[in-house]
Amino acid sequence: MTDDFTPNPAAQRIYPEVAAGGFTRHDGFIDFFQRINALLGPESVVLDFGAGRGAWTDVGLSSFHQNVRDIGTRVAKVVGVDVDPVVLENPKLDEAHLIVPGEPLPFADATFDLVFADHVLEHVDAADAPGVAAELQRILKPGGWFAARTPNKWGMIGIVARAVPNRMHVKVLESLQPGRLAEDVFPTRYAMNTWKHLGRLFPPASWKLAVYGHASEPQYVGANVAAWRVASLVDRLTPPRMLPTLMIFAQKR
């Protein structure tokens, strides 16, 4: 755990509750992973879909954030898959697999109690999306959960991201998020990023689907207090279906 965490100065100015634990009332990271923790038990077998190198271990999270995220300390096993070989170096996985987009996942039917994808679905190609949903259904146990956090295609971040060519994403993110490493930036597709997409991919006959919009703190505007106030006001005035992030919880029937 890291004990030298320093909250964003703008967050400290606008959200005084940051002093009590290092997070705001709008923290999407906490919202997402606390709900995942509520679905897990000590015997759970979990798949981190798009686990990457485990970047969350070195981005200066508070101790509380790291504890909520470190689900491997509370379950039987955490397996990770990714299209990037860096997944094989992820220090928080009990088992790691390199996968190929469009190919079946290397697991038996009904292997996992929960699969989660944190900012991964936006990178799935449209041609691969039906297969991804089918594989998730196959590898989950009956009653198991798929949980995802992903940008809303019709939210402000999604609209702006789609307006910027993929080749320029690294440069843009370097200016907005100076600590973001180039190896943590991937092309965006937005084929699984609307209520309509998700309703088709996780139909009621096979899934119990819950999707809701979420507006986290506007970390993407840096540490400028005025920019934070404007971005926060925009989020408060935005209709729920256009909020920046989709939280997705789908239970296999």
Protein backbone atom coordinates (compact mmCIF):
# COMPACT_ATOMS: atom_id res chain seq x y z
CA MET A 1 0.00 0.00 0.00
CA THR A 2 1.09 3.59 -0.58
CA ASP A 3 0.99 6.01 2.34
CA ASP A 4 2.30 9.12 0.55
CA PHE A 5 -0.83 9.69 -1.55
CA THR A 6 -1.60 13.34 -2.29
CA PRO A 7 -5.10 14.10 -3.62
CA ASN A 8 -5.53 16.34 -6.62
CA PRO A 9 -5.41 19.95 -5.30
CA ALA A 10 -8.59 20.82 -7.17
CA ALA A 11 -10.38 17.88 -5.57
CA GLN A 12 -9.28 19.06 -2.13
CA ARG A 13 -10.65 22.55 -2.80
CA ILE A 14 -14.01 21.47 -4.21
CA TYR A 15 -14.66 18.31 -2.20
CA PRO A 16 -13.61 18.80 1.45
CA GLU A 17 -14.53 15.19 2.26
CA VAL A 18 -11.30 14.14 0.49
CA ALA A 19 -9.59 14.78 3.83
CA ALA A 20 -11.56 11.81 5.24
CA GLY A 21 -10.00 8.89 3.41
CA GLY A 22 -8.64 10.41 0.22
CA PHE A 23 -11.69 10.11 -2.05
CA THR A 24 -14.71 12.17 -3.03
CA ARG A 25 -18.41 11.33 -2.95
CA HIS A 26 -18.25 10.92 -6.76
CA ASP A 27 -15.29 8.53 -6.94
CA GLY A 28 -16.08 6.06 -9.74
CA PHE A 29 -13.16 3.79 -8.83
CA ILE A 30 -14.58 3.28 -5.34
CA ASP A 31 -18.14 2.93 -6.65
CA PHE A 32 -17.12 0.22 -9.12
CA PHE A 33 -14.80 -1.87 -6.97
CA GLN A 34 -16.88 -1.70 -3.81
CA ARG A 35 -19.79 -3.16 -5.76
CA ILE A 36 -17.54 -5.89 -7.14
CA ASN A 37 -16.38 -6.70 -3.61
CA ALA A 38 -20.02 -7.03 -2.55
CA LEU A 39 -20.42 -9.85 -5.11
CA LEU A 40 -17.38 -11.86 -3.99
CA GLY A 41 -16.60 -14.36 -1.26
CA PRO A 42 -13.50 -16.24 -0.08
CA GLU A 43 -14.18 -19.13 -2.49
CA SER A 44 -14.68 -16.93 -5.57
CA VAL A 45 -12.66 -17.45 -8.73
CA VAL A 46 -12.31 -14.17 -10.63
CA LEU A 47 -11.19 -13.19 -14.12
CA ASP A 48 -9.64 -9.77 -14.74
CA PHE A 49 -10.53 -9.29 -18.42
CA GLY A 50 -7.92 -6.92 -19.86
CA ALA A 51 -5.70 -7.07 -16.79
CA GLY A 52 -2.69 -5.44 -18.45
CA ARG A 53 0.46 -4.91 -16.44
CA GLY A 54 -1.41 -4.04 -13.25
CA ALA A 55 -0.90 -0.30 -13.71
CA TRP A 56 -3.10 0.48 -10.72
CA THR A 57 -0.29 -0.70 -8.43
CA ASP A 58 2.00 2.18 -9.44
CA VAL A 59 -0.18 5.21 -10.15
CA GLY A 60 -0.16 6.76 -6.68
CA LEU A 61 -3.49 5.52 -5.35
CA SER A 62 -4.40 6.01 -1.71
CA SER A 63 -4.15 3.04 0.65
CA PHE A 64 -7.95 2.80 0.68
CA HIS A 65 -8.16 2.74 -3.13
CA GLN A 66 -5.50 0.03 -3.33
CA ASN A 67 -7.21 -2.06 -0.68
CA VAL A 68 -10.57 -1.90 -2.46
CA ARG A 69 -8.90 -2.80 -5.76
CA ASP A 70 -6.73 -5.62 -4.41
CA ILE A 71 -9.47 -8.26 -4.56
CA GLY A 72 -6.93 -11.07 -4.73
CA THR A 73 -6.52 -10.80 -0.96
CA ARG A 74 -10.20 -11.69 -0.47
CA VAL A 75 -10.90 -14.45 -3.02
CA ALA A 76 -9.60 -17.91 -3.87
CA LYS A 77 -8.00 -16.99 -7.20
CA VAL A 78 -7.58 -14.11 -9.65
CA VAL A 79 -6.80 -14.96 -13.26
CA GLY A 80 -5.93 -12.31 -15.85
CA VAL A 81 -6.09 -12.16 -19.64
CA ASP A 82 -4.96 -9.51 -22.12
CA VAL A 83 -3.96 -9.09 -25.76
CA ASP A 84 -0.75 -7.41 -24.55
CA PRO A 85 2.06 -9.70 -23.29
CA VAL A 86 2.66 -7.35 -20.35
CA VAL A 87 -0.14 -9.27 -18.62
CA LEU A 88 2.40 -12.03 -18.01
CA GLU A 89 4.27 -9.61 -15.73
CA ASN A 90 1.25 -8.49 -13.72
CA PRO A 91 2.22 -8.97 -10.05
CA LYS A 92 -1.37 -9.21 -8.78
CA LEU A 93 -2.48 -12.28 -10.75
CA ASP A 94 -2.39 -15.89 -9.65
CA GLU A 95 -2.47 -16.93 -13.31
CA ALA A 96 -2.07 -14.96 -16.55
CA HIS A 97 -2.88 -15.72 -20.19
CA LEU A 98 -2.09 -13.92 -23.42
CA ILE A 99 -5.14 -14.01 -25.71
CA VAL A 100 -5.88 -13.22 -29.35
CA PRO A 101 -8.85 -10.99 -30.24
CA GLY A 102 -11.70 -12.98 -31.77
CA GLU A 103 -10.47 -16.34 -30.47
CA PRO A 104 -12.09 -18.37 -27.64
CA LEU A 105 -10.84 -17.76 -24.13
CA PRO A 106 -8.60 -20.55 -22.76
CA PHE A 107 -10.98 -21.68 -20.01
CA ALA A 108 -13.53 -24.43 -19.49
CA ASP A 109 -17.23 -23.68 -19.34
CA ALA A 110 -18.53 -22.26 -16.03
CA THR A 111 -15.04 -21.54 -14.60
CA PHE A 112 -15.57 -18.13 -12.99
CA ASP A 113 -17.82 -16.61 -10.34
CA LEU A 114 -17.13 -13.09 -11.60
CA VAL A 115 -15.45 -11.48 -14.60
CA PHE A 116 -14.63 -7.78 -14.54
CA ALA A 117 -13.35 -5.38 -17.19
CA ASP A 118 -12.15 -1.97 -16.04
CA HIS A 119 -11.93 0.44 -18.98
CA VAL A 120 -11.58 -2.38 -21.50
CA LEU A 121 -14.86 -2.65 -23.46
CA GLU A 122 -14.14 0.56 -25.38
CA HIS A 123 -11.22 -1.23 -27.05
CA VAL A 124 -13.26 -4.19 -28.40
CA ASP A 125 -13.79 -4.17 -32.17
CA ALA A 126 -17.39 -4.27 -33.42
CA ALA A 127 -16.74 -7.58 -35.19
CA ASP A 128 -15.47 -9.14 -31.94
CA ALA A 129 -18.15 -7.81 -29.56
CA PRO A 130 -20.73 -10.62 -30.04
CA GLY A 131 -18.03 -13.22 -29.54
CA VAL A 132 -16.77 -11.50 -26.39
CA ALA A 133 -20.29 -11.53 -24.90
CA ALA A 134 -20.76 -15.20 -25.87
CA GLU A 135 -17.44 -16.17 -24.28
CA LEU A 136 -18.32 -14.31 -21.09
CA GLN A 137 -21.57 -16.24 -20.90
CA ARG A 138 -19.75 -19.53 -21.51
CA ILE A 139 -17.02 -19.14 -18.88
CA LEU A 140 -19.24 -17.75 -16.11
CA LYS A 141 -20.97 -20.07 -13.69
CA PRO A 142 -24.79 -19.90 -13.57
CA GLY A 143 -25.58 -16.90 -11.38
CA GLY A 144 -22.09 -15.47 -11.98
CA TRP A 145 -21.49 -11.80 -12.69
CA PHE A 146 -19.86 -9.72 -15.39
CA ALA A 147 -18.91 -6.24 -14.18
CA ALA A 148 -17.54 -3.45 -16.37
CA ARG A 149 -16.67 0.22 -16.16
CA THR A 150 -16.30 1.94 -19.52
CA PRO A 151 -16.75 5.32 -21.20
CA ASN A 152 -20.23 6.05 -22.51
CA LYS A 153 -20.09 6.43 -26.31
CA TRP A 154 -22.58 9.31 -26.04
CA GLY A 155 -20.97 10.92 -23.00
CA MET A 156 -18.73 13.96 -23.26
CA ILE A 157 -15.50 11.96 -22.89
CA GLY A 158 -16.60 9.39 -25.45
CA ILE A 159 -17.61 12.05 -27.98
CA VAL A 160 -14.33 13.93 -27.60
CA ALA A 161 -12.26 10.71 -27.70
CA ARG A 162 -13.93 9.65 -30.95
CA ALA A 163 -13.24 13.07 -32.44
CA VAL A 164 -9.50 12.63 -31.80
CA PRO A 165 -7.78 10.10 -34.13
CA ASN A 166 -6.38 7.08 -32.29
CA ARG A 167 -2.86 7.97 -33.44
CA MET A 168 -3.09 11.21 -31.43
CA HIS A 169 -4.47 9.74 -28.18
CA VAL A 170 -1.06 9.38 -26.54
CA LYS A 171 -0.14 13.01 -27.19
CA VAL A 172 -3.51 14.33 -26.01
CA LEU A 173 -3.50 12.22 -22.84
CA GLU A 174 0.07 13.27 -22.05
CA SER A 175 -1.11 16.90 -21.92
CA LEU A 176 -4.23 16.13 -19.86
CA GLN A 177 -2.79 13.38 -17.64
CA PRO A 178 1.00 13.91 -17.34
CA GLY A 179 1.50 10.69 -15.37
CA ARG A 180 -0.20 8.50 -17.99
CA LEU A 181 2.31 6.15 -19.69
CA ALA A 182 2.16 5.57 -23.45
CA GLU A 183 1.98 1.80 -22.91
CA ASP A 184 -1.29 2.29 -21.03
CA VAL A 185 -3.04 3.98 -23.98
CA PHE A 186 -4.91 1.78 -26.47
CA PRO A 187 -7.07 2.37 -29.59
CA THR A 188 -10.76 2.97 -28.87
CA ARG A 189 -13.64 1.36 -30.80
CA TYR A 190 -16.85 1.98 -28.76
CA ALA A 191 -18.75 -1.12 -29.94
CA MET A 192 -19.93 -2.11 -26.42
CA ASN A 193 -20.54 1.34 -25.02
CA THR A 194 -24.24 2.27 -25.18
CA TRP A 195 -27.39 0.98 -23.52
CA LYS A 196 -28.51 -0.26 -26.96
CA HIS A 197 -25.26 -2.17 -27.62
CA LEU A 198 -25.35 -3.76 -24.20
CA GLY A 199 -29.03 -4.71 -24.44
CA ARG A 200 -28.31 -6.61 -27.67
CA LEU A 201 -25.15 -8.28 -26.39
CA PHE A 202 -26.59 -9.26 -22.98
CA PRO A 203 -30.23 -10.14 -23.82
CA PRO A 204 -32.83 -10.70 -21.06
CA ALA A 205 -33.23 -14.40 -21.90
CA SER A 206 -29.63 -15.04 -20.83
CA TRP A 207 -28.72 -12.15 -18.55
CA LYS A 208 -30.08 -9.94 -15.81
CA LEU A 209 -28.57 -6.60 -16.85
CA ALA A 210 -28.14 -3.42 -14.81
CA VAL A 211 -26.52 -0.37 -16.41
CA TYR A 212 -26.25 3.12 -14.98
CA GLY A 213 -24.45 6.33 -15.89
CA HIS A 214 -21.83 7.77 -13.58
CA ALA A 215 -19.91 11.04 -13.40
CA SER A 216 -16.63 10.82 -11.53
CA GLU A 217 -14.43 13.74 -10.58
CA PRO A 218 -13.10 15.42 -13.76
CA GLN A 219 -9.50 14.24 -13.37
CA TYR A 220 -9.06 14.69 -17.12
CA VAL A 221 -8.90 18.50 -16.74
CA GLY A 222 -5.81 18.35 -14.53
CA ALA A 223 -5.55 20.39 -11.31
CA ASN A 224 -7.18 23.66 -12.41
CA VAL A 225 -9.90 24.51 -9.88
CA ALA A 226 -11.92 26.64 -12.30
CA ALA A 227 -11.89 23.87 -14.91
CA TRP A 228 -12.99 21.38 -12.27
CA ARG A 229 -15.91 23.59 -11.28
CA VAL A 230 -17.05 23.97 -14.89
CA ALA A 231 -16.68 20.25 -15.66
CA SER A 232 -18.50 19.30 -12.45
CA LEU A 233 -21.36 21.68 -13.30
CA VAL A 234 -21.63 20.18 -16.79
CA ASP A 235 -21.84 16.69 -15.26
CA ARG A 236 -24.61 17.78 -12.86
CA LEU A 237 -26.64 19.16 -15.77
CA THR A 238 -26.08 16.16 -18.04
CA PRO A 239 -28.97 13.68 -18.56
CA PRO A 240 -28.22 10.26 -16.98
CA ARG A 241 -27.91 8.53 -20.35
CA MET A 242 -25.19 10.96 -21.40
CA LEU A 243 -23.04 10.79 -18.27
CA PRO A 244 -19.36 10.08 -19.02
CA THR A 245 -19.09 6.54 -17.65
CA LEU A 246 -21.25 3.42 -17.85
CA MET A 247 -21.29 1.04 -14.90
CA ILE A 248 -22.38 -2.41 -16.10
CA PHE A 249 -23.41 -5.37 -13.94
CA ALA A 250 -24.78 -8.42 -15.77
CA GLN A 251 -25.72 -11.66 -14.02
CA LYS A 252 -25.81 -14.89 -16.02
CA ARG A 253 -29.18 -16.63 -15.72
